[in-house]
Amino acid sequence: MATLDAATLDDLRDALAEVEDKKPTQRLMAVINYLEEDDATMAEVAERYGYT
């Protein structure tokens, strides 16, 4: 995956299937959640994953 801007949800899900550590898993889940939820803000998603 070159950049996040060029990544599709499928790319992110593929990456999620390959990571093993907690922090990268949380980061990928946060990005996926943000992209899937039309009305979610970055702040809301960050709070869900404890980034605030």
PDB file of N, CA and C in Angstrom:
ATOM      1  N   MET A   1       0.858  -1.163   0.000  1.00  0.00           N
ATOM      2  CA  MET A   1       0.000   0.000   0.000  1.00  0.00           C
ATOM      3  C   MET A   1       0.907   1.229   0.000  1.00  0.00           C
ATOM      4  N   ALA A   2       0.843   1.992  -1.068  1.00  0.00           N
ATOM      5  CA  ALA A   2       1.737   3.127  -1.229  1.00  0.00           C
ATOM      6  C   ALA A   2       1.377   4.292  -0.307  1.00  0.00           C
ATOM      7  N   THR A   3       0.168   4.790  -0.435  1.00  0.00           N
ATOM      8  CA  THR A   3      -0.280   5.878   0.429  1.00  0.00           C
ATOM      9  C   THR A   3      -1.714   5.619   0.857  1.00  0.00           C
ATOM     10  N   LEU A   4      -2.096   6.236   1.942  1.00  0.00           N
ATOM     11  CA  LEU A   4      -3.458   6.064   2.435  1.00  0.00           C
ATOM     12  C   LEU A   4      -4.474   6.652   1.463  1.00  0.00           C
ATOM     13  N   ASP A   5      -4.129   7.756   0.818  1.00  0.00           N
ATOM     14  CA  ASP A   5      -5.057   8.382  -0.131  1.00  0.00           C
ATOM     15  C   ASP A   5      -5.396   7.457  -1.293  1.00  0.00           C
ATOM     16  N   ALA A   6      -4.464   6.619  -1.676  1.00  0.00           N
ATOM     17  CA  ALA A   6      -4.676   5.725  -2.812  1.00  0.00           C
ATOM     18  C   ALA A   6      -5.239   4.371  -2.392  1.00  0.00           C
ATOM     19  N   ALA A   7      -5.358   4.133  -1.099  1.00  0.00           N
ATOM     20  CA  ALA A   7      -5.811   2.832  -0.602  1.00  0.00           C
ATOM     21  C   ALA A   7      -7.328   2.710  -0.673  1.00  0.00           C
ATOM     22  N   THR A   8      -7.783   1.539  -1.082  1.00  0.00           N
ATOM     23  CA  THR A   8      -9.214   1.250  -1.076  1.00  0.00           C
ATOM     24  C   THR A   8      -9.554   0.537   0.229  1.00  0.00           C
ATOM     25  N   LEU A   9     -10.840   0.411   0.507  1.00  0.00           N
ATOM     26  CA  LEU A   9     -11.249  -0.344   1.695  1.00  0.00           C
ATOM     27  C   LEU A   9     -10.770  -1.787   1.598  1.00  0.00           C
ATOM     28  N   ASP A  10     -10.777  -2.348   0.406  1.00  0.00           N
ATOM     29  CA  ASP A  10     -10.270  -3.714   0.239  1.00  0.00           C
ATOM     30  C   ASP A  10      -8.783  -3.794   0.562  1.00  0.00           C
ATOM     31  N   ASP A  11      -8.012  -2.786   0.143  1.00  0.00           N
ATOM     32  CA  ASP A  11      -6.580  -2.740   0.477  1.00  0.00           C
ATOM     33  C   ASP A  11      -6.390  -2.710   1.991  1.00  0.00           C
ATOM     34  N   LEU A  12      -7.194  -1.883   2.652  1.00  0.00           N
ATOM     35  CA  LEU A  12      -7.082  -1.747   4.105  1.00  0.00           C
ATOM     36  C   LEU A  12      -7.474  -3.041   4.813  1.00  0.00           C
ATOM     37  N   ARG A  13      -8.514  -3.694   4.326  1.00  0.00           N
ATOM     38  CA  ARG A  13      -8.927  -4.973   4.923  1.00  0.00           C
ATOM     39  C   ARG A  13      -7.865  -6.047   4.708  1.00  0.00           C
ATOM     40  N   ASP A  14      -7.235  -6.043   3.537  1.00  0.00           N
ATOM     41  CA  ASP A  14      -6.146  -6.987   3.278  1.00  0.00           C
ATOM     42  C   ASP A  14      -4.988  -6.739   4.238  1.00  0.00           C
ATOM     43  N   ALA A  15      -4.656  -5.473   4.446  1.00  0.00           N
ATOM     44  CA  ALA A  15      -3.583  -5.129   5.380  1.00  0.00           C
ATOM     45  C   ALA A  15      -3.960  -5.543   6.796  1.00  0.00           C
ATOM     46  N   LEU A  16      -5.224  -5.354   7.157  1.00  0.00           N
ATOM     47  CA  LEU A  16      -5.703  -5.734   8.485  1.00  0.00           C
ATOM     48  C   LEU A  16      -5.553  -7.233   8.713  1.00  0.00           C
ATOM     49  N   ALA A  17      -5.775  -8.018   7.682  1.00  0.00           N
ATOM     50  CA  ALA A  17      -5.647  -9.473   7.796  1.00  0.00           C
ATOM     51  C   ALA A  17      -4.200  -9.904   8.021  1.00  0.00           C
ATOM     52  N   GLU A  18      -3.256  -9.031   7.684  1.00  0.00           N
ATOM     53  CA  GLU A  18      -1.840  -9.382   7.783  1.00  0.00           C
ATOM     54  C   GLU A  18      -1.151  -8.872   9.045  1.00  0.00           C
ATOM     55  N   VAL A  19      -1.698  -7.843   9.687  1.00  0.00           N
ATOM     56  CA  VAL A  19      -1.031  -7.294  10.869  1.00  0.00           C
ATOM     57  C   VAL A  19      -1.258  -8.186  12.077  1.00  0.00           C
ATOM     58  N   GLU A  20      -0.301  -8.145  12.992  1.00  0.00           N
ATOM     59  CA  GLU A  20      -0.393  -8.981  14.182  1.00  0.00           C
ATOM     60  C   GLU A  20      -0.366  -8.177  15.476  1.00  0.00           C
ATOM     61  N   ASP A  21       0.155  -6.974  15.418  1.00  0.00           N
ATOM     62  CA  ASP A  21       0.292  -6.176  16.631  1.00  0.00           C
ATOM     63  C   ASP A  21      -0.956  -5.332  16.887  1.00  0.00           C
ATOM     64  N   LYS A  22      -1.143  -4.984  18.154  1.00  0.00           N
ATOM     65  CA  LYS A  22      -2.342  -4.260  18.578  1.00  0.00           C
ATOM     66  C   LYS A  22      -2.455  -2.873  17.948  1.00  0.00           C
ATOM     67  N   LYS A  23      -1.396  -2.093  18.002  1.00  0.00           N
ATOM     68  CA  LYS A  23      -1.465  -0.703  17.537  1.00  0.00           C
ATOM     69  C   LYS A  23      -1.757  -0.601  16.031  1.00  0.00           C
ATOM     70  N   PRO A  24      -1.062  -1.350  15.174  1.00  0.00           N
ATOM     71  CA  PRO A  24      -1.411  -1.278  13.749  1.00  0.00           C
ATOM     72  C   PRO A  24      -2.835  -1.757  13.470  1.00  0.00           C
ATOM     73  N   THR A  25      -3.289  -2.745  14.226  1.00  0.00           N
ATOM     74  CA  THR A  25      -4.661  -3.232  14.068  1.00  0.00           C
ATOM     75  C   THR A  25      -5.650  -2.131  14.414  1.00  0.00           C
ATOM     76  N   GLN A  26      -5.418  -1.440  15.532  1.00  0.00           N
ATOM     77  CA  GLN A  26      -6.303  -0.347  15.938  1.00  0.00           C
ATOM     78  C   GLN A  26      -6.303   0.780  14.908  1.00  0.00           C
ATOM     79  N   ARG A  27      -5.154   1.099  14.392  1.00  0.00           N
ATOM     80  CA  ARG A  27      -5.060   2.182  13.408  1.00  0.00           C
ATOM     81  C   ARG A  27      -5.824   1.833  12.131  1.00  0.00           C
ATOM     82  N   LEU A  28      -5.644   0.616  11.665  1.00  0.00           N
ATOM     83  CA  LEU A  28      -6.364   0.200  10.463  1.00  0.00           C
ATOM     84  C   LEU A  28      -7.870   0.161  10.700  1.00  0.00           C
ATOM     85  N   MET A  29      -8.280  -0.331  11.860  1.00  0.00           N
ATOM     86  CA  MET A  29      -9.705  -0.366  12.182  1.00  0.00           C
ATOM     87  C   MET A  29     -10.282   1.045  12.245  1.00  0.00           C
ATOM     88  N   ALA A  30      -9.534   1.964  12.800  1.00  0.00           N
ATOM     89  CA  ALA A  30     -10.000   3.349  12.882  1.00  0.00           C
ATOM     90  C   ALA A  30     -10.181   3.944  11.486  1.00  0.00           C
ATOM     91  N   VAL A  31      -9.229   3.719  10.615  1.00  0.00           N
ATOM     92  CA  VAL A  31      -9.330   4.242   9.247  1.00  0.00           C
ATOM     93  C   VAL A  31     -10.508   3.604   8.519  1.00  0.00           C
ATOM     94  N   ILE A  32     -10.654   2.297   8.650  1.00  0.00           N
ATOM     95  CA  ILE A  32     -11.770   1.600   8.005  1.00  0.00           C
ATOM     96  C   ILE A  32     -13.096   2.134   8.533  1.00  0.00           C
ATOM     97  N   ASN A  33     -13.208   2.269   9.848  1.00  0.00           N
ATOM     98  CA  ASN A  33     -14.443   2.814  10.432  1.00  0.00           C
ATOM     99  C   ASN A  33     -14.725   4.212   9.912  1.00  0.00           C
ATOM    100  N   TYR A  34     -13.722   5.040   9.860  1.00  0.00           N
ATOM    101  CA  TYR A  34     -13.903   6.413   9.386  1.00  0.00           C
ATOM    102  C   TYR A  34     -14.405   6.434   7.937  1.00  0.00           C
ATOM    103  N   LEU A  35     -13.810   5.606   7.100  1.00  0.00           N
ATOM    104  CA  LEU A  35     -14.198   5.587   5.693  1.00  0.00           C
ATOM    105  C   LEU A  35     -15.577   4.963   5.468  1.00  0.00           C
ATOM    106  N   GLU A  36     -15.954   4.020   6.306  1.00  0.00           N
ATOM    107  CA  GLU A  36     -17.243   3.346   6.138  1.00  0.00           C
ATOM    108  C   GLU A  36     -18.421   4.144   6.697  1.00  0.00           C
ATOM    109  N   GLU A  37     -18.173   4.956   7.691  1.00  0.00           N
ATOM    110  CA  GLU A  37     -19.258   5.705   8.335  1.00  0.00           C
ATOM    111  C   GLU A  37     -19.336   7.107   7.751  1.00  0.00           C
ATOM    112  N   ASP A  38     -20.378   7.352   6.995  1.00  0.00           N
ATOM    113  CA  ASP A  38     -20.522   8.633   6.306  1.00  0.00           C
ATOM    114  C   ASP A  38     -20.565   9.831   7.245  1.00  0.00           C
ATOM    115  N   ASP A  39     -21.186   9.666   8.404  1.00  0.00           N
ATOM    116  CA  ASP A  39     -21.344  10.811   9.297  1.00  0.00           C
ATOM    117  C   ASP A  39     -20.314  10.864  10.424  1.00  0.00           C
ATOM    118  N   ALA A  40     -19.370   9.958  10.429  1.00  0.00           N
ATOM    119  CA  ALA A  40     -18.352   9.936  11.484  1.00  0.00           C
ATOM    120  C   ALA A  40     -17.288  10.999  11.226  1.00  0.00           C
ATOM    121  N   THR A  41     -16.857  11.625  12.305  1.00  0.00           N
ATOM    122  CA  THR A  41     -15.744  12.566  12.194  1.00  0.00           C
ATOM    123  C   THR A  41     -14.471  11.857  12.646  1.00  0.00           C
ATOM    124  N   MET A  42     -13.339  12.417  12.276  1.00  0.00           N
ATOM    125  CA  MET A  42     -12.068  11.844  12.714  1.00  0.00           C
ATOM    126  C   MET A  42     -11.986  11.840  14.229  1.00  0.00           C
ATOM    127  N   ALA A  43     -12.486  12.901  14.848  1.00  0.00           N
ATOM    128  CA  ALA A  43     -12.441  13.005  16.310  1.00  0.00           C
ATOM    129  C   ALA A  43     -13.255  11.895  16.971  1.00  0.00           C
ATOM    130  N   GLU A  44     -14.432  11.596  16.429  1.00  0.00           N
ATOM    131  CA  GLU A  44     -15.266  10.525  16.993  1.00  0.00           C
ATOM    132  C   GLU A  44     -14.589   9.166  16.874  1.00  0.00           C
ATOM    133  N   VAL A  45     -14.044   8.907  15.718  1.00  0.00           N
ATOM    134  CA  VAL A  45     -13.374   7.623  15.509  1.00  0.00           C
ATOM    135  C   VAL A  45     -12.125   7.537  16.384  1.00  0.00           C
ATOM    136  N   ALA A  46     -11.379   8.615  16.485  1.00  0.00           N
ATOM    137  CA  ALA A  46     -10.187   8.630  17.332  1.00  0.00           C
ATOM    138  C   ALA A  46     -10.550   8.355  18.781  1.00  0.00           C
ATOM    139  N   GLU A  47     -11.645   8.923  19.239  1.00  0.00           N
ATOM    140  CA  GLU A  47     -12.082   8.701  20.620  1.00  0.00           C
ATOM    141  C   GLU A  47     -12.440   7.234  20.855  1.00  0.00           C
ATOM    142  N   ARG A  48     -13.100   6.620  19.889  1.00  0.00           N
ATOM    143  CA  ARG A  48     -13.455   5.196  19.995  1.00  0.00           C
ATOM    144  C   ARG A  48     -12.239   4.314  20.225  1.00  0.00           C
ATOM    145  N   TYR A  49     -11.145   4.683  19.576  1.00  0.00           N
ATOM    146  CA  TYR A  49      -9.941   3.870  19.654  1.00  0.00           C
ATOM    147  C   TYR A  49      -8.919   4.407  20.651  1.00  0.00           C
ATOM    148  N   GLY A  50      -9.330   5.363  21.463  1.00  0.00           N
ATOM    149  CA  GLY A  50      -8.476   5.858  22.530  1.00  0.00           C
ATOM    150  C   GLY A  50      -7.338   6.752  22.084  1.00  0.00           C
ATOM    151  N   TYR A  51      -7.509   7.441  20.962  1.00  0.00           N
ATOM    152  CA  TYR A  51      -6.466   8.328  20.467  1.00  0.00           C
ATOM    153  C   TYR A  51      -6.657   9.768  20.899  1.00  0.00           C
ATOM    154  N   THR A  52      -7.590  10.026  21.832  1.00  0.00           N
ATOM    155  CA  THR A  52      -7.807  11.410  22.261  1.00  0.00           C
ATOM    156  C   THR A  52      -7.405  11.574  23.703  1.00  0.00           C
TER     157      THR A  52
END
